[in-house]
């Protein structure tokens, strides 16, 4: 399941109660479809509560939390399916995923429960707030 909302500062937040899977290279089709449904469900949830913000150039922050006990080794953030997220945000929050329309940052940690939080804000005016949300993992929801 997932939920979506807009923070008081106007940053869109999509929260999915699963850790973003490893790279989509070799990803099972059912896992890919499941994640598409989770992302689109969170966007739909946001749209029911607030106007979906649109940015000419967006800053996207992805914070992946993996549940404690499920990690036998430290995982690499660049090996996660970041493309799966970004490709499903373009067209909704920003026009395209090229250098003119978005930038992104990815962080990860180990916590009590698995989840992925996706923060989307305006690149020029909200990048610092997106980075603060990534560092602290909190929202003003």
C-alpha atoms as a PDB file:
ATOM      1  CA  UNK A   1       0.000   0.000   0.000  1.00  0.00           C
ATOM      2  CA  UNK A   2       1.012   3.579  -0.438  1.00  0.00           C
ATOM      3  CA  UNK A   3      -0.134   7.056   0.331  1.00  0.00           C
ATOM      4  CA  UNK A   4       0.518  10.443  -1.118  1.00  0.00           C
ATOM      5  CA  UNK A   5       0.249  13.951   0.246  1.00  0.00           C
ATOM      6  CA  UNK A   6       1.685  17.451  -0.057  1.00  0.00           C
ATOM      7  CA  UNK A   7       3.709  18.938   2.804  1.00  0.00           C
ATOM      8  CA  UNK A   8       3.008  22.381   4.197  1.00  0.00           C
ATOM      9  CA  UNK A   9       5.933  23.690   2.145  1.00  0.00           C
ATOM     10  CA  UNK A  10       4.394  22.357  -1.094  1.00  0.00           C
ATOM     11  CA  UNK A  11       6.581  19.282  -1.592  1.00  0.00           C
ATOM     12  CA  UNK A  12       4.782  16.182  -2.865  1.00  0.00           C
ATOM     13  CA  UNK A  13       5.437  13.037  -0.837  1.00  0.00           C
ATOM     14  CA  UNK A  14       4.698   9.501  -1.942  1.00  0.00           C
ATOM     15  CA  UNK A  15       5.117   6.882   0.756  1.00  0.00           C
ATOM     16  CA  UNK A  16       5.177   3.194  -0.054  1.00  0.00           C
ATOM     17  CA  UNK A  17       5.334   0.631   2.720  1.00  0.00           C
ATOM     18  CA  UNK A  18       7.965  -1.486   0.984  1.00  0.00           C
ATOM     19  CA  UNK A  19      11.656  -1.024   0.247  1.00  0.00           C
ATOM     20  CA  UNK A  20      12.370  -0.202  -3.376  1.00  0.00           C
ATOM     21  CA  UNK A  21      13.589  -3.456  -4.956  1.00  0.00           C
ATOM     22  CA  UNK A  22      16.991  -4.061  -6.455  1.00  0.00           C
ATOM     23  CA  UNK A  23      17.766  -2.981  -9.997  1.00  0.00           C
ATOM     24  CA  UNK A  24      15.113  -3.684 -12.550  1.00  0.00           C
ATOM     25  CA  UNK A  25      17.649  -5.662 -14.584  1.00  0.00           C
ATOM     26  CA  UNK A  26      16.374  -9.172 -14.086  1.00  0.00           C
ATOM     27  CA  UNK A  27      13.353  -7.972 -12.093  1.00  0.00           C
ATOM     28  CA  UNK A  28      10.443 -10.369 -12.268  1.00  0.00           C
ATOM     29  CA  UNK A  29       7.542  -8.913 -14.292  1.00  0.00           C
ATOM     30  CA  UNK A  30       5.151  -9.329 -11.361  1.00  0.00           C
ATOM     31  CA  UNK A  31       7.463  -7.285  -9.097  1.00  0.00           C
ATOM     32  CA  UNK A  32       7.661  -4.564 -11.739  1.00  0.00           C
ATOM     33  CA  UNK A  33       3.863  -4.481 -12.129  1.00  0.00           C
ATOM     34  CA  UNK A  34       3.391  -4.502  -8.355  1.00  0.00           C
ATOM     35  CA  UNK A  35       5.630  -1.451  -8.000  1.00  0.00           C
ATOM     36  CA  UNK A  36       3.886   0.370 -10.829  1.00  0.00           C
ATOM     37  CA  UNK A  37       0.610  -0.166  -8.968  1.00  0.00           C
ATOM     38  CA  UNK A  38       2.142   1.081  -5.698  1.00  0.00           C
ATOM     39  CA  UNK A  39       3.548   4.256  -7.266  1.00  0.00           C
ATOM     40  CA  UNK A  40       0.392   5.041  -9.225  1.00  0.00           C
ATOM     41  CA  UNK A  41      -1.768   4.274  -6.182  1.00  0.00           C
ATOM     42  CA  UNK A  42       0.204   6.769  -4.086  1.00  0.00           C
ATOM     43  CA  UNK A  43      -0.124   9.388  -6.846  1.00  0.00           C
ATOM     44  CA  UNK A  44      -3.888   8.735  -7.008  1.00  0.00           C
ATOM     45  CA  UNK A  45      -4.078   9.083  -3.227  1.00  0.00           C
ATOM     46  CA  UNK A  46      -2.281  12.438  -3.427  1.00  0.00           C
ATOM     47  CA  UNK A  47      -4.629  13.617  -6.204  1.00  0.00           C
ATOM     48  CA  UNK A  48      -7.670  12.843  -4.024  1.00  0.00           C
ATOM     49  CA  UNK A  49      -6.299  15.072  -1.221  1.00  0.00           C
ATOM     50  CA  UNK A  50      -4.488  17.891  -3.007  1.00  0.00           C
ATOM     51  CA  UNK A  51      -3.746  19.349  -6.386  1.00  0.00           C
ATOM     52  CA  UNK A  52      -0.794  17.407  -7.797  1.00  0.00           C
ATOM     53  CA  UNK A  53       2.073  19.898  -8.065  1.00  0.00           C
ATOM     54  CA  UNK A  54       3.794  20.253 -11.420  1.00  0.00           C
ATOM     55  CA  UNK A  55       7.339  21.543 -11.749  1.00  0.00           C
ATOM     56  CA  UNK A  56       9.215  22.739 -14.822  1.00  0.00           C
ATOM     57  CA  UNK A  57      12.376  21.361 -13.167  1.00  0.00           C
ATOM     58  CA  UNK A  58      11.965  19.071 -10.167  1.00  0.00           C
ATOM     59  CA  UNK A  59      14.206  17.842  -7.379  1.00  0.00           C
ATOM     60  CA  UNK A  60      13.334  14.224  -6.562  1.00  0.00           C
ATOM     61  CA  UNK A  61      14.537  12.631  -3.344  1.00  0.00           C
ATOM     62  CA  UNK A  62      14.154   8.902  -2.734  1.00  0.00           C
ATOM     63  CA  UNK A  63      14.619   7.549   0.800  1.00  0.00           C
ATOM     64  CA  UNK A  64      14.658   3.743   1.003  1.00  0.00           C
ATOM     65  CA  UNK A  65      14.364   2.036   4.388  1.00  0.00           C
ATOM     66  CA  UNK A  66      14.977  -1.689   4.580  1.00  0.00           C
ATOM     67  CA  UNK A  67      13.660  -3.585   7.591  1.00  0.00           C
ATOM     68  CA  UNK A  68      16.265  -4.618  10.159  1.00  0.00           C
ATOM     69  CA  UNK A  69      17.152  -8.289  10.017  1.00  0.00           C
ATOM     70  CA  UNK A  70      16.623  -8.586   6.272  1.00  0.00           C
ATOM     71  CA  UNK A  71      20.088  -7.328   5.390  1.00  0.00           C
ATOM     72  CA  UNK A  72      22.877  -9.832   5.320  1.00  0.00           C
ATOM     73  CA  UNK A  73      25.183  -7.263   3.756  1.00  0.00           C
ATOM     74  CA  UNK A  74      25.210  -3.519   3.207  1.00  0.00           C
ATOM     75  CA  UNK A  75      23.388  -2.760  -0.032  1.00  0.00           C
ATOM     76  CA  UNK A  76      24.312  -0.205  -2.628  1.00  0.00           C
ATOM     77  CA  UNK A  77      21.802   2.614  -3.310  1.00  0.00           C
ATOM     78  CA  UNK A  78      22.767   2.750  -6.993  1.00  0.00           C
ATOM     79  CA  UNK A  79      21.642  -0.866  -7.377  1.00  0.00           C
ATOM     80  CA  UNK A  80      18.020  -0.013  -6.533  1.00  0.00           C
ATOM     81  CA  UNK A  81      15.293   0.423  -9.159  1.00  0.00           C
ATOM     82  CA  UNK A  82      15.513   4.201  -9.193  1.00  0.00           C
ATOM     83  CA  UNK A  83      14.541   4.309 -12.884  1.00  0.00           C
ATOM     84  CA  UNK A  84      11.261   2.606 -12.055  1.00  0.00           C
ATOM     85  CA  UNK A  85      10.371   5.523  -9.778  1.00  0.00           C
ATOM     86  CA  UNK A  86      11.612   8.347 -11.977  1.00  0.00           C
ATOM     87  CA  UNK A  87      10.003   7.012 -15.157  1.00  0.00           C
ATOM     88  CA  UNK A  88       6.644   6.905 -13.392  1.00  0.00           C
ATOM     89  CA  UNK A  89       6.888  10.452 -12.030  1.00  0.00           C
ATOM     90  CA  UNK A  90       7.663  12.129 -15.366  1.00  0.00           C
ATOM     91  CA  UNK A  91       4.654  13.527 -17.123  1.00  0.00           C
ATOM     92  CA  UNK A  92       2.846  13.887 -13.808  1.00  0.00           C
ATOM     93  CA  UNK A  93       5.201  16.024 -11.705  1.00  0.00           C
ATOM     94  CA  UNK A  94       7.647  17.226 -14.385  1.00  0.00           C
ATOM     95  CA  UNK A  95       7.662  17.125 -18.209  1.00  0.00           C
ATOM     96  CA  UNK A  96      10.561  14.709 -18.780  1.00  0.00           C
ATOM     97  CA  UNK A  97      13.411  13.010 -16.933  1.00  0.00           C
ATOM     98  CA  UNK A  98      16.226  14.762 -18.767  1.00  0.00           C
ATOM     99  CA  UNK A  99      18.736  17.245 -17.338  1.00  0.00           C
ATOM    100  CA  UNK A 100      16.475  20.179 -18.143  1.00  0.00           C
ATOM    101  CA  UNK A 101      13.550  18.934 -16.080  1.00  0.00           C
ATOM    102  CA  UNK A 102      14.801  17.004 -13.051  1.00  0.00           C
ATOM    103  CA  UNK A 103      17.583  16.039 -10.686  1.00  0.00           C
ATOM    104  CA  UNK A 104      17.535  13.384  -7.979  1.00  0.00           C
ATOM    105  CA  UNK A 105      19.192  12.067  -4.835  1.00  0.00           C
ATOM    106  CA  UNK A 106      18.891   8.622  -3.254  1.00  0.00           C
ATOM    107  CA  UNK A 107      19.607   7.633   0.343  1.00  0.00           C
ATOM    108  CA  UNK A 108      19.010   4.456   2.280  1.00  0.00           C
ATOM    109  CA  UNK A 109      18.950   3.190   5.818  1.00  0.00           C
ATOM    110  CA  UNK A 110      17.903   0.231   7.922  1.00  0.00           C
ATOM    111  CA  UNK A 111      14.923   0.664  10.236  1.00  0.00           C
ATOM    112  CA  UNK A 112      12.055  -1.077  11.960  1.00  0.00           C
ATOM    113  CA  UNK A 113       9.840  -1.292   8.889  1.00  0.00           C
ATOM    114  CA  UNK A 114      10.519  -1.270   5.171  1.00  0.00           C
ATOM    115  CA  UNK A 115       9.340   1.764   3.226  1.00  0.00           C
ATOM    116  CA  UNK A 116      10.207   4.063   0.378  1.00  0.00           C
ATOM    117  CA  UNK A 117       9.493   7.779   0.579  1.00  0.00           C
ATOM    118  CA  UNK A 118       9.652   9.853  -2.568  1.00  0.00           C
ATOM    119  CA  UNK A 119       9.856  13.637  -2.257  1.00  0.00           C
ATOM    120  CA  UNK A 120       9.211  15.868  -5.280  1.00  0.00           C
ATOM    121  CA  UNK A 121       9.754  19.625  -5.147  1.00  0.00           C
ATOM    122  CA  UNK A 122      10.797  22.557  -7.289  1.00  0.00           C
ATOM    123  CA  UNK A 123      14.499  22.327  -8.153  1.00  0.00           C
ATOM    124  CA  UNK A 124      15.262  26.028  -7.709  1.00  0.00           C
ATOM    125  CA  UNK A 125      13.204  26.801  -4.623  1.00  0.00           C
ATOM    126  CA  UNK A 126      12.742  23.506  -2.738  1.00  0.00           C
ATOM    127  CA  UNK A 127      15.909  21.435  -3.250  1.00  0.00           C
ATOM    128  CA  UNK A 128      17.177  22.248   0.234  1.00  0.00           C
ATOM    129  CA  UNK A 129      13.870  21.205   1.830  1.00  0.00           C
ATOM    130  CA  UNK A 130      13.878  17.957  -0.171  1.00  0.00           C
ATOM    131  CA  UNK A 131      17.418  17.247   1.040  1.00  0.00           C
ATOM    132  CA  UNK A 132      16.404  17.975   4.642  1.00  0.00           C
ATOM    133  CA  UNK A 133      13.517  15.519   4.313  1.00  0.00           C
ATOM    134  CA  UNK A 134      15.934  12.920   2.966  1.00  0.00           C
ATOM    135  CA  UNK A 135      18.312  13.448   5.886  1.00  0.00           C
ATOM    136  CA  UNK A 136      15.659  13.408   8.587  1.00  0.00           C
ATOM    137  CA  UNK A 137      13.141  11.090   6.919  1.00  0.00           C
ATOM    138  CA  UNK A 138      10.264  13.118   8.321  1.00  0.00           C
ATOM    139  CA  UNK A 139       7.455  15.076   6.751  1.00  0.00           C
ATOM    140  CA  UNK A 140       5.103  17.793   7.871  1.00  0.00           C
ATOM    141  CA  UNK A 141       2.053  15.685   6.920  1.00  0.00           C
END
